[in-house]
Amino acid sequence: MSSLDTAGPVLDARGRALDRIVLRGLSARGRHGVLDPERALGQRFGLDVALHLDTREAAAGDDLTATVNYGTLAQQLEQVLAGDPVDLLETLAQRVADTCLAASGRVEAVDVVVHKPQAPVPVPFDDVELVIRRTRS
């Protein structure tokens, strides 16, 4: 089970669970981290996002403008991962969340999981993940 799957639903104003568009396994090389070698050499970062929105109008009209173009969003998120370096995963995750919320006024909330599998951790491990949820309101 993914970290995205363990968060509870986001509800609309009527108390109904919003739909989710999920992008898993996006990755790009970035230079994020507090250590000089992380900045100099860079490393692979991974990303999973879940956008919470109501997709009924898009489905009824078969209308891309009533939802999120996830192809375009994936390109924007790759640019965030590969873009200006930051010290903290928390800052990177917030940039990702801001990008997702700006993708469409229809996105009410976003769950973000940033993966740093090559983090400088001195013991064996599989991955470092930071998980956040941000809402429009």
N, C-alpha and C. Protein backbone atom coordinates (compact mmCIF):
# COMPACT_ATOMS: atom_id res chain seq x y z
N MET A 1 0.85 -1.19 0.00
CA MET A 1 0.00 0.00 0.00
C MET A 1 0.89 1.24 0.00
N SER A 2 0.57 2.19 -0.85
CA SER A 2 1.32 3.43 -0.96
C SER A 2 0.93 4.41 0.13
N SER A 3 1.83 5.35 0.40
CA SER A 3 1.53 6.41 1.36
C SER A 3 0.33 7.24 0.91
N LEU A 4 0.08 7.30 -0.40
CA LEU A 4 -1.09 8.03 -0.90
C LEU A 4 -2.38 7.33 -0.53
N ASP A 5 -2.33 6.01 -0.39
CA ASP A 5 -3.54 5.24 -0.14
C ASP A 5 -3.96 5.21 1.32
N THR A 6 -3.10 5.67 2.21
CA THR A 6 -3.41 5.59 3.63
C THR A 6 -4.10 6.85 4.15
N ALA A 7 -4.03 7.94 3.41
CA ALA A 7 -4.70 9.18 3.84
C ALA A 7 -6.20 9.03 3.62
N GLY A 8 -6.97 9.61 4.49
CA GLY A 8 -8.42 9.55 4.35
C GLY A 8 -8.90 10.40 3.19
N PRO A 9 -10.18 10.28 2.88
CA PRO A 9 -10.73 11.04 1.75
C PRO A 9 -10.84 12.53 2.07
N VAL A 10 -10.90 13.31 1.01
CA VAL A 10 -11.22 14.73 1.11
C VAL A 10 -12.68 14.86 0.72
N LEU A 11 -13.46 15.56 1.53
CA LEU A 11 -14.89 15.68 1.30
C LEU A 11 -15.24 17.03 0.69
N ASP A 12 -16.26 17.03 -0.16
CA ASP A 12 -16.76 18.30 -0.71
C ASP A 12 -17.71 18.94 0.30
N ALA A 13 -18.30 20.07 -0.07
CA ALA A 13 -19.18 20.80 0.84
C ALA A 13 -20.41 20.01 1.25
N ARG A 14 -20.80 19.01 0.44
CA ARG A 14 -21.96 18.17 0.76
C ARG A 14 -21.59 16.92 1.56
N GLY A 15 -20.30 16.78 1.86
CA GLY A 15 -19.85 15.62 2.62
C GLY A 15 -19.52 14.41 1.77
N ARG A 16 -19.48 14.57 0.44
CA ARG A 16 -19.15 13.47 -0.46
C ARG A 16 -17.64 13.44 -0.70
N ALA A 17 -17.10 12.22 -0.79
CA ALA A 17 -15.67 12.08 -1.08
C ALA A 17 -15.38 12.57 -2.49
N LEU A 18 -14.36 13.39 -2.61
CA LEU A 18 -13.94 13.85 -3.93
C LEU A 18 -13.22 12.72 -4.67
N ASP A 19 -13.21 12.82 -5.98
CA ASP A 19 -12.48 11.88 -6.82
C ASP A 19 -10.98 12.18 -6.71
N ARG A 20 -10.16 11.26 -7.19
CA ARG A 20 -8.71 11.46 -7.16
C ARG A 20 -8.09 11.13 -8.51
N ILE A 21 -7.22 12.00 -8.95
CA ILE A 21 -6.34 11.71 -10.07
C ILE A 21 -4.97 11.50 -9.44
N VAL A 22 -4.38 10.34 -9.70
CA VAL A 22 -3.12 9.97 -9.05
C VAL A 22 -2.03 9.80 -10.10
N LEU A 23 -0.91 10.44 -9.87
CA LEU A 23 0.30 10.25 -10.65
C LEU A 23 1.33 9.60 -9.73
N ARG A 24 1.80 8.41 -10.10
CA ARG A 24 2.78 7.69 -9.27
C ARG A 24 4.08 7.48 -10.05
N GLY A 25 5.16 7.57 -9.33
CA GLY A 25 6.44 7.19 -9.90
C GLY A 25 7.10 8.21 -10.81
N LEU A 26 6.67 9.46 -10.74
CA LEU A 26 7.39 10.50 -11.49
C LEU A 26 8.79 10.60 -10.89
N SER A 27 9.77 10.88 -11.73
CA SER A 27 11.11 11.04 -11.18
C SER A 27 11.93 11.98 -12.03
N ALA A 28 12.92 12.57 -11.39
CA ALA A 28 13.86 13.47 -12.07
C ALA A 28 15.09 13.61 -11.20
N ARG A 29 16.16 13.99 -11.82
CA ARG A 29 17.40 14.23 -11.10
C ARG A 29 17.36 15.66 -10.56
N GLY A 30 17.64 15.78 -9.26
CA GLY A 30 17.65 17.08 -8.61
C GLY A 30 18.88 17.26 -7.75
N ARG A 31 19.07 18.46 -7.27
CA ARG A 31 20.24 18.79 -6.44
C ARG A 31 19.80 19.31 -5.08
N HIS A 32 18.79 18.68 -4.52
CA HIS A 32 18.23 19.11 -3.25
C HIS A 32 18.96 18.43 -2.09
N GLY A 33 19.12 19.16 -1.00
CA GLY A 33 19.75 18.61 0.19
C GLY A 33 20.64 19.64 0.86
N VAL A 34 21.03 19.34 2.08
CA VAL A 34 21.84 20.28 2.84
C VAL A 34 23.34 20.02 2.70
N LEU A 35 23.73 18.86 2.22
CA LEU A 35 25.14 18.51 2.11
C LEU A 35 25.71 18.94 0.76
N ASP A 36 26.96 19.38 0.77
CA ASP A 36 27.62 19.82 -0.47
C ASP A 36 27.60 18.76 -1.57
N PRO A 37 27.90 17.47 -1.26
CA PRO A 37 27.86 16.46 -2.33
C PRO A 37 26.47 16.29 -2.96
N GLU A 38 25.41 16.48 -2.18
CA GLU A 38 24.06 16.38 -2.74
C GLU A 38 23.84 17.48 -3.77
N ARG A 39 24.33 18.65 -3.48
CA ARG A 39 24.18 19.79 -4.39
C ARG A 39 25.07 19.63 -5.61
N ALA A 40 26.29 19.14 -5.40
CA ALA A 40 27.25 19.04 -6.50
C ALA A 40 26.92 17.89 -7.46
N LEU A 41 26.57 16.73 -6.90
CA LEU A 41 26.38 15.54 -7.72
C LEU A 41 24.93 15.31 -8.13
N GLY A 42 24.01 15.77 -7.31
CA GLY A 42 22.60 15.52 -7.56
C GLY A 42 22.24 14.06 -7.31
N GLN A 43 20.95 13.77 -7.36
CA GLN A 43 20.46 12.41 -7.18
C GLN A 43 19.03 12.33 -7.70
N ARG A 44 18.53 11.12 -7.81
CA ARG A 44 17.18 10.89 -8.32
C ARG A 44 16.17 11.13 -7.19
N PHE A 45 15.14 11.89 -7.49
CA PHE A 45 14.01 12.11 -6.57
C PHE A 45 12.77 11.53 -7.23
N GLY A 46 11.90 10.96 -6.42
CA GLY A 46 10.64 10.42 -6.91
C GLY A 46 9.48 11.21 -6.36
N LEU A 47 8.33 11.05 -7.02
CA LEU A 47 7.17 11.84 -6.64
C LEU A 47 5.90 11.08 -6.95
N ASP A 48 4.99 11.08 -5.99
CA ASP A 48 3.62 10.60 -6.18
C ASP A 48 2.70 11.74 -5.75
N VAL A 49 1.66 11.99 -6.52
CA VAL A 49 0.68 13.00 -6.14
C VAL A 49 -0.73 12.48 -6.36
N ALA A 50 -1.63 12.89 -5.49
CA ALA A 50 -3.06 12.60 -5.66
C ALA A 50 -3.79 13.93 -5.61
N LEU A 51 -4.48 14.24 -6.70
CA LEU A 51 -5.29 15.46 -6.79
C LEU A 51 -6.72 15.11 -6.42
N HIS A 52 -7.29 15.86 -5.51
CA HIS A 52 -8.68 15.63 -5.07
C HIS A 52 -9.57 16.68 -5.74
N LEU A 53 -10.53 16.21 -6.53
CA LEU A 53 -11.43 17.10 -7.25
C LEU A 53 -12.69 16.34 -7.65
N ASP A 54 -13.69 17.07 -8.04
CA ASP A 54 -14.93 16.47 -8.53
C ASP A 54 -14.82 16.36 -10.05
N THR A 55 -14.84 15.13 -10.56
CA THR A 55 -14.68 14.92 -12.00
C THR A 55 -16.00 14.67 -12.72
N ARG A 56 -17.13 14.85 -12.03
CA ARG A 56 -18.42 14.55 -12.67
C ARG A 56 -18.69 15.39 -13.91
N GLU A 57 -18.40 16.68 -13.84
CA GLU A 57 -18.66 17.55 -14.99
C GLU A 57 -17.78 17.13 -16.18
N ALA A 58 -16.53 16.82 -15.92
CA ALA A 58 -15.64 16.37 -17.00
C ALA A 58 -16.16 15.08 -17.63
N ALA A 59 -16.60 14.15 -16.80
CA ALA A 59 -17.11 12.88 -17.31
C ALA A 59 -18.39 13.08 -18.11
N ALA A 60 -19.29 13.90 -17.61
CA ALA A 60 -20.57 14.11 -18.29
C ALA A 60 -20.39 14.74 -19.66
N GLY A 61 -19.43 15.66 -19.76
CA GLY A 61 -19.23 16.35 -21.03
C GLY A 61 -18.04 15.85 -21.83
N ASP A 62 -17.34 14.84 -21.30
CA ASP A 62 -16.12 14.34 -21.94
C ASP A 62 -15.20 15.52 -22.27
N ASP A 63 -14.99 16.37 -21.24
CA ASP A 63 -14.39 17.69 -21.43
C ASP A 63 -13.11 17.83 -20.61
N LEU A 64 -11.98 17.89 -21.29
CA LEU A 64 -10.69 18.03 -20.62
C LEU A 64 -10.59 19.32 -19.84
N THR A 65 -11.26 20.37 -20.30
CA THR A 65 -11.17 21.65 -19.59
C THR A 65 -11.89 21.62 -18.25
N ALA A 66 -12.67 20.60 -17.99
CA ALA A 66 -13.39 20.48 -16.71
C ALA A 66 -12.66 19.58 -15.72
N THR A 67 -11.40 19.28 -16.01
CA THR A 67 -10.60 18.44 -15.12
C THR A 67 -9.16 18.95 -15.16
N VAL A 68 -8.19 18.08 -14.92
CA VAL A 68 -6.77 18.44 -14.94
C VAL A 68 -6.08 17.68 -16.06
N ASN A 69 -5.30 18.38 -16.85
CA ASN A 69 -4.49 17.74 -17.87
C ASN A 69 -3.25 17.18 -17.17
N TYR A 70 -3.30 15.90 -16.86
CA TYR A 70 -2.22 15.32 -16.05
C TYR A 70 -0.92 15.16 -16.84
N GLY A 71 -0.98 15.16 -18.16
CA GLY A 71 0.25 15.15 -18.95
C GLY A 71 1.03 16.44 -18.78
N THR A 72 0.31 17.54 -18.89
CA THR A 72 0.92 18.85 -18.70
C THR A 72 1.42 19.00 -17.26
N LEU A 73 0.62 18.56 -16.30
CA LEU A 73 1.01 18.65 -14.90
C LEU A 73 2.28 17.83 -14.64
N ALA A 74 2.37 16.64 -15.22
CA ALA A 74 3.56 15.79 -15.02
C ALA A 74 4.82 16.52 -15.49
N GLN A 75 4.73 17.22 -16.61
CA GLN A 75 5.88 17.98 -17.10
C GLN A 75 6.25 19.10 -16.13
N GLN A 76 5.25 19.78 -15.59
CA GLN A 76 5.51 20.85 -14.63
C GLN A 76 6.16 20.30 -13.36
N LEU A 77 5.70 19.14 -12.91
CA LEU A 77 6.25 18.55 -11.69
C LEU A 77 7.68 18.08 -11.90
N GLU A 78 7.97 17.56 -13.08
CA GLU A 78 9.35 17.17 -13.40
C GLU A 78 10.27 18.40 -13.32
N GLN A 79 9.78 19.53 -13.79
CA GLN A 79 10.57 20.76 -13.72
C GLN A 79 10.80 21.20 -12.28
N VAL A 80 9.82 20.99 -11.41
CA VAL A 80 10.00 21.33 -9.99
C VAL A 80 11.07 20.43 -9.38
N LEU A 81 11.01 19.13 -9.65
CA LEU A 81 12.00 18.20 -9.09
C LEU A 81 13.41 18.52 -9.58
N ALA A 82 13.54 18.88 -10.85
CA ALA A 82 14.85 19.15 -11.43
C ALA A 82 15.26 20.61 -11.29
N GLY A 83 14.39 21.44 -10.75
CA GLY A 83 14.60 22.88 -10.72
C GLY A 83 15.48 23.37 -9.60
N ASP A 84 15.26 24.62 -9.22
CA ASP A 84 16.09 25.28 -8.22
C ASP A 84 16.23 24.43 -6.97
N PRO A 85 17.45 24.18 -6.53
CA PRO A 85 17.68 23.34 -5.35
C PRO A 85 17.16 23.99 -4.07
N VAL A 86 16.71 23.13 -3.16
CA VAL A 86 16.31 23.54 -1.82
C VAL A 86 17.00 22.62 -0.82
N ASP A 87 17.09 23.06 0.41
CA ASP A 87 17.72 22.25 1.45
C ASP A 87 16.83 21.10 1.89
N LEU A 88 15.53 21.37 2.05
CA LEU A 88 14.64 20.44 2.72
C LEU A 88 13.61 19.80 1.79
N LEU A 89 13.32 18.53 2.06
CA LEU A 89 12.21 17.86 1.35
C LEU A 89 10.90 18.58 1.62
N GLU A 90 10.75 19.15 2.79
CA GLU A 90 9.53 19.88 3.14
C GLU A 90 9.29 21.04 2.18
N THR A 91 10.35 21.75 1.83
CA THR A 91 10.24 22.86 0.88
C THR A 91 9.91 22.35 -0.52
N LEU A 92 10.57 21.27 -0.91
CA LEU A 92 10.30 20.68 -2.22
C LEU A 92 8.85 20.20 -2.32
N ALA A 93 8.37 19.52 -1.28
CA ALA A 93 6.98 19.04 -1.26
C ALA A 93 5.99 20.19 -1.35
N GLN A 94 6.27 21.30 -0.67
CA GLN A 94 5.38 22.46 -0.73
C GLN A 94 5.35 23.04 -2.14
N ARG A 95 6.49 23.09 -2.82
CA ARG A 95 6.53 23.58 -4.20
C ARG A 95 5.69 22.68 -5.11
N VAL A 96 5.79 21.39 -4.89
CA VAL A 96 4.98 20.44 -5.68
C VAL A 96 3.50 20.68 -5.41
N ALA A 97 3.13 20.81 -4.15
CA ALA A 97 1.72 21.04 -3.79
C ALA A 97 1.21 22.33 -4.43
N ASP A 98 2.00 23.38 -4.36
CA ASP A 98 1.59 24.66 -4.95
C ASP A 98 1.37 24.52 -6.46
N THR A 99 2.23 23.77 -7.12
CA THR A 99 2.10 23.54 -8.57
C THR A 99 0.81 22.78 -8.87
N CYS A 100 0.51 21.77 -8.07
CA CYS A 100 -0.70 20.97 -8.28
C CYS A 100 -1.96 21.80 -8.05
N LEU A 101 -1.97 22.60 -7.01
CA LEU A 101 -3.16 23.42 -6.72
C LEU A 101 -3.35 24.50 -7.78
N ALA A 102 -2.27 24.95 -8.39
CA ALA A 102 -2.36 25.96 -9.45
C ALA A 102 -2.74 25.36 -10.79
N ALA A 103 -2.67 24.04 -10.93
CA ALA A 103 -2.95 23.38 -12.21
C ALA A 103 -4.39 23.59 -12.66
N SER A 104 -5.29 23.69 -11.70
CA SER A 104 -6.70 23.89 -12.01
C SER A 104 -7.41 24.38 -10.76
N GLY A 105 -8.31 25.32 -10.93
CA GLY A 105 -9.12 25.78 -9.81
C GLY A 105 -10.05 24.70 -9.30
N ARG A 106 -10.14 23.59 -10.00
CA ARG A 106 -11.00 22.48 -9.60
C ARG A 106 -10.35 21.59 -8.55
N VAL A 107 -9.04 21.66 -8.41
CA VAL A 107 -8.33 20.83 -7.43
C VAL A 107 -8.54 21.43 -6.05
N GLU A 108 -9.20 20.67 -5.18
CA GLU A 108 -9.50 21.14 -3.83
C GLU A 108 -8.40 20.81 -2.83
N ALA A 109 -7.69 19.72 -3.08
CA ALA A 109 -6.61 19.30 -2.19
C ALA A 109 -5.65 18.43 -2.97
N VAL A 110 -4.44 18.30 -2.43
CA VAL A 110 -3.44 17.44 -3.05
C VAL A 110 -2.65 16.73 -1.96
N ASP A 111 -2.38 15.46 -2.19
CA ASP A 111 -1.47 14.69 -1.36
C ASP A 111 -0.18 14.54 -2.16
N VAL A 112 0.94 14.77 -1.50
CA VAL A 112 2.24 14.72 -2.15
C VAL A 112 3.14 13.78 -1.36
N VAL A 113 3.80 12.89 -2.08
CA VAL A 113 4.84 12.04 -1.49
C VAL A 113 6.12 12.28 -2.27
N VAL A 114 7.14 12.81 -1.60
CA VAL A 114 8.45 13.00 -2.20
C VAL A 114 9.33 11.85 -1.71
N HIS A 115 9.99 11.19 -2.66
CA HIS A 115 10.88 10.06 -2.36
C HIS A 115 12.33 10.50 -2.57
N LYS A 116 13.17 10.13 -1.60
CA LYS A 116 14.61 10.40 -1.70
C LYS A 116 15.35 9.11 -1.37
N PRO A 117 15.37 8.16 -2.32
CA PRO A 117 15.93 6.84 -2.02
C PRO A 117 17.45 6.82 -1.87
N GLN A 118 18.13 7.87 -2.29
CA GLN A 118 19.59 7.92 -2.16
C GLN A 118 20.02 8.92 -1.10
N ALA A 119 19.15 9.19 -0.15
CA ALA A 119 19.47 10.13 0.93
C ALA A 119 20.71 9.66 1.68
N PRO A 120 21.50 10.60 2.19
CA PRO A 120 22.71 10.23 2.92
C PRO A 120 22.40 9.74 4.34
N VAL A 121 21.87 8.54 4.41
CA VAL A 121 21.51 7.91 5.69
C VAL A 121 22.56 6.84 5.97
N PRO A 122 23.15 6.83 7.18
CA PRO A 122 24.29 5.94 7.44
C PRO A 122 23.95 4.48 7.74
N VAL A 123 22.72 4.08 7.57
CA VAL A 123 22.33 2.68 7.79
C VAL A 123 21.52 2.21 6.58
N PRO A 124 21.42 0.90 6.37
CA PRO A 124 20.63 0.42 5.22
C PRO A 124 19.16 0.87 5.31
N PHE A 125 18.62 1.30 4.19
CA PHE A 125 17.22 1.73 4.12
C PHE A 125 16.77 1.66 2.67
N ASP A 126 15.46 1.66 2.46
CA ASP A 126 14.92 1.61 1.10
C ASP A 126 14.60 2.99 0.54
N ASP A 127 14.06 3.86 1.38
CA ASP A 127 13.57 5.14 0.86
C ASP A 127 13.33 6.08 2.03
N VAL A 128 13.47 7.36 1.78
CA VAL A 128 12.98 8.39 2.68
C VAL A 128 11.80 9.02 1.96
N GLU A 129 10.67 9.11 2.65
CA GLU A 129 9.47 9.73 2.07
C GLU A 129 9.02 10.88 2.97
N LEU A 130 8.59 11.93 2.34
CA LEU A 130 7.89 12.99 3.05
C LEU A 130 6.50 13.05 2.44
N VAL A 131 5.48 13.01 3.29
CA VAL A 131 4.09 13.00 2.84
C VAL A 131 3.40 14.23 3.41
N ILE A 132 2.78 15.03 2.51
CA ILE A 132 2.00 16.18 2.96
C ILE A 132 0.65 16.19 2.25
N ARG A 133 -0.31 16.86 2.87
CA ARG A 133 -1.59 17.18 2.22
C ARG A 133 -1.78 18.68 2.35
N ARG A 134 -2.15 19.29 1.24
CA ARG A 134 -2.46 20.71 1.23
C ARG A 134 -3.83 20.91 0.60
N THR A 135 -4.60 21.83 1.14
CA THR A 135 -5.93 22.12 0.62
C THR A 135 -5.99 23.55 0.10
N ARG A 136 -6.94 23.77 -0.77
CA ARG A 136 -7.12 25.09 -1.36
C ARG A 136 -7.56 26.10 -0.31
N SER A 137 -8.43 25.71 0.60
CA SER A 137 -8.97 26.69 1.56
C SER A 137 -8.13 26.81 2.79
